[in-house]
């Protein structure tokens, strides 16, 4: 098994952008659900 270090280093920015995108989408979903829960909270 041979590891191409140059290809790995060239792909790191793409992987970083993908991870950042996943983090942003997850954070957006969590914030949306939190806001909706506070807005639509029914007092018993």
C-alpha atoms as a PDB file:
ATOM      1  CA  UNK A   1       0.000   0.000   0.000  1.00  0.00           C
ATOM      2  CA  UNK A   2       1.435   3.326  -1.078  1.00  0.00           C
ATOM      3  CA  UNK A   3       0.333   6.670   0.334  1.00  0.00           C
ATOM      4  CA  UNK A   4       0.622   9.660  -1.978  1.00  0.00           C
ATOM      5  CA  UNK A   5       1.543  12.420   0.455  1.00  0.00           C
ATOM      6  CA  UNK A   6       1.289  15.169  -2.166  1.00  0.00           C
ATOM      7  CA  UNK A   7      -2.282  14.182  -3.069  1.00  0.00           C
ATOM      8  CA  UNK A   8      -3.175  14.070   0.635  1.00  0.00           C
ATOM      9  CA  UNK A   9      -1.815  17.569   1.195  1.00  0.00           C
ATOM     10  CA  UNK A  10      -3.660  18.898  -1.865  1.00  0.00           C
ATOM     11  CA  UNK A  11      -6.971  17.457  -0.666  1.00  0.00           C
ATOM     12  CA  UNK A  12      -6.772  18.860   2.876  1.00  0.00           C
ATOM     13  CA  UNK A  13      -8.359  22.252   2.012  1.00  0.00           C
ATOM     14  CA  UNK A  14     -11.333  20.483   0.383  1.00  0.00           C
ATOM     15  CA  UNK A  15     -11.783  18.225   3.403  1.00  0.00           C
ATOM     16  CA  UNK A  16     -11.553  21.237   5.723  1.00  0.00           C
ATOM     17  CA  UNK A  17     -14.222  23.115   3.774  1.00  0.00           C
ATOM     18  CA  UNK A  18     -16.471  20.056   3.855  1.00  0.00           C
ATOM     19  CA  UNK A  19     -16.088  19.641   7.609  1.00  0.00           C
ATOM     20  CA  UNK A  20     -16.756  23.352   8.129  1.00  0.00           C
ATOM     21  CA  UNK A  21     -19.902  23.109   5.993  1.00  0.00           C
ATOM     22  CA  UNK A  22     -21.176  20.148   8.000  1.00  0.00           C
ATOM     23  CA  UNK A  23     -20.501  22.034  11.253  1.00  0.00           C
ATOM     24  CA  UNK A  24     -22.332  25.150  10.033  1.00  0.00           C
ATOM     25  CA  UNK A  25     -25.381  23.179   8.845  1.00  0.00           C
ATOM     26  CA  UNK A  26     -25.556  21.241  12.129  1.00  0.00           C
ATOM     27  CA  UNK A  27     -25.281  24.448  14.156  1.00  0.00           C
ATOM     28  CA  UNK A  28     -28.005  26.085  12.035  1.00  0.00           C
ATOM     29  CA  UNK A  29     -30.370  23.152  12.592  1.00  0.00           C
ATOM     30  CA  UNK A  30     -29.740  23.186  16.359  1.00  0.00           C
ATOM     31  CA  UNK A  31     -30.339  26.943  16.575  1.00  0.00           C
ATOM     32  CA  UNK A  32     -33.515  26.719  14.470  1.00  0.00           C
ATOM     33  CA  UNK A  33     -34.960  23.951  16.631  1.00  0.00           C
ATOM     34  CA  UNK A  34     -34.075  25.865  19.815  1.00  0.00           C
ATOM     35  CA  UNK A  35     -35.710  29.070  18.573  1.00  0.00           C
ATOM     36  CA  UNK A  36     -38.829  27.217  17.404  1.00  0.00           C
ATOM     37  CA  UNK A  37     -39.131  25.485  20.786  1.00  0.00           C
ATOM     38  CA  UNK A  38     -38.948  28.824  22.611  1.00  0.00           C
ATOM     39  CA  UNK A  39     -41.397  30.562  20.259  1.00  0.00           C
ATOM     40  CA  UNK A  40     -43.995  27.798  20.249  1.00  0.00           C
ATOM     41  CA  UNK A  41     -43.668  26.867  23.923  1.00  0.00           C
ATOM     42  CA  UNK A  42     -47.110  26.287  25.411  1.00  0.00           C
ATOM     43  CA  UNK A  43     -47.499  27.110  29.068  1.00  0.00           C
ATOM     44  CA  UNK A  44     -49.426  24.441  30.967  1.00  0.00           C
END
